[in-house]
Amino acid sequence: MKLPRDLSSAQLEKSLRRTFGYEFTRQVGSHRRVTTPIGGQHHLTIPQHDPIRVGTLRTILGEIMEHHALTLEQLLVKLGYR
């Protein structure tokens, strides 16, 4: 499954807010932390890059997949990238 290559941090954060209820909680330098109460409290740190590197995106999506018990395909469909 190919990941989006041109995804910015702002686009990812907007998709996470809309789909899983993640909300901005704090920022340190160029890294924003978002949190969701859905499925138990879960925190993610998203670097403010445009675009997000594929390896970094894979790690972030892996954390989301684990927390919400989704496959990569299911996650990409829910976020609107498929």
Protein backbone atom coordinates (compact mmCIF):
# COMPACT_ATOMS: atom_id res chain seq x y z
CA MET A 1 0.00 0.00 0.00
CA LYS A 2 1.53 3.30 -1.09
CA LEU A 3 1.36 6.22 1.29
CA PRO A 4 0.59 9.76 0.13
CA ARG A 5 3.84 11.47 -0.90
CA ASP A 6 2.68 15.09 -0.79
CA LEU A 7 0.83 15.19 2.54
CA SER A 8 1.51 18.25 4.69
CA SER A 9 1.25 18.26 8.47
CA ALA A 10 -1.69 20.70 8.30
CA GLN A 11 -3.62 18.35 5.98
CA LEU A 12 -2.92 15.36 8.24
CA GLU A 13 -3.96 17.23 11.37
CA LYS A 14 -7.19 18.39 9.71
CA SER A 15 -8.03 14.82 8.64
CA LEU A 16 -7.30 13.47 12.12
CA ARG A 17 -9.49 16.17 13.70
CA ARG A 18 -12.40 15.43 11.36
CA THR A 19 -12.16 11.62 11.51
CA PHE A 20 -10.93 10.70 14.99
CA GLY A 21 -11.53 13.83 17.06
CA TYR A 22 -7.86 14.73 17.60
CA GLU A 23 -7.42 18.24 19.01
CA PHE A 24 -4.30 20.38 19.29
CA THR A 25 -2.91 20.31 22.84
CA ARG A 26 0.52 21.93 22.67
CA GLN A 27 3.49 22.83 20.50
CA VAL A 28 7.23 22.69 21.15
CA GLY A 29 9.31 24.19 18.36
CA SER A 30 8.12 22.75 15.07
CA HIS A 31 6.28 19.77 16.59
CA ARG A 32 2.57 19.88 17.40
CA ARG A 33 0.95 17.45 19.81
CA VAL A 34 -2.62 16.34 19.20
CA THR A 35 -4.80 14.24 21.50
CA THR A 36 -8.02 12.26 21.17
CA PRO A 37 -10.24 10.78 23.89
CA ILE A 38 -11.76 8.24 21.47
CA GLY A 39 -10.77 4.68 22.39
CA GLY A 40 -8.90 5.96 25.46
CA GLN A 41 -6.66 8.99 25.50
CA HIS A 42 -4.07 8.94 22.70
CA HIS A 43 -1.36 11.48 21.92
CA LEU A 44 0.46 12.01 18.63
CA THR A 45 3.34 14.32 17.80
CA ILE A 46 3.28 15.70 14.27
CA PRO A 47 6.28 17.59 12.86
CA GLN A 48 5.33 20.77 10.98
CA HIS A 49 6.80 19.74 7.62
CA ASP A 50 5.46 20.16 4.12
CA PRO A 51 5.43 17.43 2.97
CA ILE A 52 5.87 14.97 5.84
CA ARG A 53 8.61 12.45 5.02
CA VAL A 54 7.29 9.00 4.12
CA GLY A 55 9.12 7.25 6.98
CA THR A 56 7.77 9.75 9.51
CA LEU A 57 4.26 9.43 8.07
CA ARG A 58 4.50 5.62 8.25
CA THR A 59 5.39 5.86 11.97
CA ILE A 60 2.53 8.28 12.73
CA LEU A 61 -0.01 6.17 10.81
CA GLY A 62 1.30 3.03 12.55
CA GLU A 63 0.56 4.57 15.95
CA ILE A 64 -2.95 5.52 14.82
CA MET A 65 -3.56 2.04 13.37
CA GLU A 66 -2.49 0.40 16.62
CA HIS A 67 -4.62 2.65 18.84
CA HIS A 68 -7.77 2.41 16.72
CA ALA A 69 -7.23 -1.26 15.69
CA LEU A 70 -7.31 -0.55 11.95
CA THR A 71 -5.38 -1.84 8.96
CA LEU A 72 -3.47 0.59 6.77
CA GLU A 73 -6.09 0.31 4.03
CA GLN A 74 -8.95 1.01 6.47
CA LEU A 75 -7.10 3.98 7.94
CA LEU A 76 -6.33 5.55 4.55
CA VAL A 77 -9.97 5.17 3.49
CA LYS A 78 -11.25 6.75 6.75
CA LEU A 79 -8.82 9.67 6.35
CA GLY A 80 -9.91 10.14 2.73
CA TYR A 81 -6.58 9.29 1.09
CA ARG A 82 -7.99 6.32 -0.87
